[in-house]
Protein backbone atom coordinates (compact mmCIF):
# COMPACT_ATOMS: atom_id res chain seq x y z
CA UNK A 1 0.00 0.00 0.00
CA UNK A 2 1.35 3.44 -0.91
CA UNK A 3 1.79 6.09 1.71
CA UNK A 4 -0.13 9.34 1.24
CA UNK A 5 3.04 11.27 2.09
CA UNK A 6 4.81 9.97 -1.00
CA UNK A 7 1.94 10.93 -3.29
CA UNK A 8 1.61 14.36 -1.66
CA UNK A 9 5.24 15.26 -2.32
CA UNK A 10 4.92 15.50 -6.14
CA UNK A 11 1.82 17.68 -5.69
CA UNK A 12 3.80 19.92 -3.33
CA UNK A 13 6.64 20.23 -5.85
CA UNK A 14 4.21 21.05 -8.66
CA UNK A 15 2.48 23.67 -6.51
CA UNK A 16 5.75 25.43 -5.72
CA UNK A 17 6.85 25.23 -9.35
CA UNK A 18 3.62 26.95 -10.42
CA UNK A 19 3.90 29.60 -7.69
CA UNK A 20 7.49 30.52 -8.52
CA UNK A 21 6.85 30.37 -12.28
CA UNK A 22 3.98 32.83 -11.84
CA UNK A 23 6.16 35.08 -9.70
CA UNK A 24 8.92 34.93 -12.32
CA UNK A 25 6.50 35.94 -15.05
CA UNK A 26 4.91 38.82 -13.11
CA UNK A 27 7.83 40.27 -11.14
CA UNK A 28 9.58 42.09 -14.02
CA UNK A 29 6.41 44.09 -14.65
CA UNK A 30 5.71 45.26 -11.07
CA UNK A 31 8.08 48.25 -11.23
CA UNK A 32 6.52 49.42 -14.49
CA UNK A 33 3.04 48.98 -13.06
CA UNK A 34 3.82 51.07 -9.98
CA UNK A 35 5.65 53.67 -12.07
CA UNK A 36 2.56 54.02 -14.29
CA UNK A 37 0.57 54.65 -11.10
CA UNK A 38 2.76 57.62 -10.23
CA UNK A 39 5.27 56.17 -7.76
CA UNK A 40 8.83 57.46 -7.86
CA UNK A 41 11.71 54.97 -8.17
CA UNK A 42 12.59 55.54 -4.50
CA UNK A 43 9.02 54.74 -3.45
CA UNK A 44 9.03 51.57 -5.55
CA UNK A 45 12.27 50.47 -3.88
CA UNK A 46 10.79 51.12 -0.43
CA UNK A 47 7.63 49.24 -1.41
CA UNK A 48 9.61 46.18 -2.54
CA UNK A 49 11.78 46.31 0.57
CA UNK A 50 8.74 46.53 2.83
CA UNK A 51 7.03 43.68 1.03
CA UNK A 52 10.08 41.47 1.54
CA UNK A 53 10.19 42.45 5.21
CA UNK A 54 6.47 41.65 5.51
CA UNK A 55 7.03 38.19 4.02
CA UNK A 56 9.85 37.51 6.47
CA UNK A 57 7.70 38.56 9.44
CA UNK A 58 4.25 37.28 8.43
CA UNK A 59 5.23 33.65 7.81
CA UNK A 60 6.59 32.93 11.30
CA UNK A 61 3.94 35.07 13.02
CA UNK A 62 0.96 33.41 11.36
CA UNK A 63 2.64 30.02 11.67
CA UNK A 64 2.95 30.60 15.41
CA UNK A 65 -0.67 31.78 15.63
CA UNK A 66 -1.80 28.65 13.78
CA UNK A 67 0.25 26.45 16.12
CA UNK A 68 -1.06 28.16 19.24
CA UNK A 69 -4.67 27.91 18.12
CA UNK A 70 -4.22 24.42 16.74
CA UNK A 71 -6.17 25.53 13.70
CA UNK A 72 -3.75 25.39 10.78
CA UNK A 73 -6.42 25.20 8.10
CA UNK A 74 -8.52 27.96 9.67
CA UNK A 75 -5.57 30.38 9.72
CA UNK A 76 -4.66 29.47 6.14
CA UNK A 77 -8.28 29.93 5.04
CA UNK A 78 -8.44 33.31 6.80
CA UNK A 79 -5.26 34.50 5.07
CA UNK A 80 -6.57 33.26 1.71
CA UNK A 81 -9.89 35.03 2.26
CA UNK A 82 -8.11 38.29 3.14
CA UNK A 83 -5.99 38.01 -0.02
CA UNK A 84 -9.10 37.35 -2.11
CA UNK A 85 -10.80 40.37 -0.53
CA UNK A 86 -7.86 42.62 -1.34
CA UNK A 87 -7.73 41.31 -4.91
CA UNK A 88 -11.47 41.93 -5.30
CA UNK A 89 -11.06 45.46 -3.95
CA UNK A 90 -8.23 46.11 -6.40
CA UNK A 91 -10.33 44.85 -9.28
CA UNK A 92 -13.28 47.00 -8.18
CA UNK A 93 -11.05 50.08 -8.07
CA UNK A 94 -9.80 49.45 -11.59
CA UNK A 95 -13.25 48.72 -13.01
CA UNK A 96 -15.16 51.56 -11.34
CA UNK A 97 -12.27 54.06 -11.18
CA UNK A 98 -13.22 55.08 -7.65
CA UNK A 99 -11.12 57.21 -5.38
CA UNK A 100 -8.83 60.17 -6.07
CA UNK A 101 -7.41 60.59 -9.57
CA UNK A 102 -9.74 58.04 -11.10
CA UNK A 103 -9.00 55.32 -8.57
CA UNK A 104 -5.27 55.20 -9.18
CA UNK A 105 -4.18 56.09 -5.65
CA UNK A 106 -6.52 53.60 -3.97
CA UNK A 107 -5.72 50.83 -6.46
CA UNK A 108 -1.99 51.42 -5.95
CA UNK A 109 -2.40 50.95 -2.19
CA UNK A 110 -4.35 47.73 -2.72
CA UNK A 111 -1.77 46.47 -5.21
CA UNK A 112 0.96 47.31 -2.70
CA UNK A 113 -0.88 45.25 -0.11
CA UNK A 114 -1.00 42.32 -2.52
CA UNK A 115 2.69 42.59 -3.44
CA UNK A 116 3.86 40.30 -0.62
CA UNK A 117 1.50 37.64 -1.89
CA UNK A 118 3.12 37.37 -5.29
């Protein structure tokens, strides 16, 4: 009988390959996107630095919260729901052009919030 751990490993490798392939495709365009939204090169550098810092902090913090609560799937589902909510808000800003300057400022803030997720 095959162990479920052996069959889960290829799925895990495929998932990470897809995630990093998507990041590799999108990441060269992020600076141009933020520049088209009116951010200066210094602001883009700060944004990328902060997003990296957020990734370094959020992983261990939410991992610890999940361990303390004993609810790994609930914490993961909450984080996924928050990401989906931010993505929906970003899409709504682009479609409806709400906020100052036709929605650009608000959509830039939402995109900046999503940057650590990519």
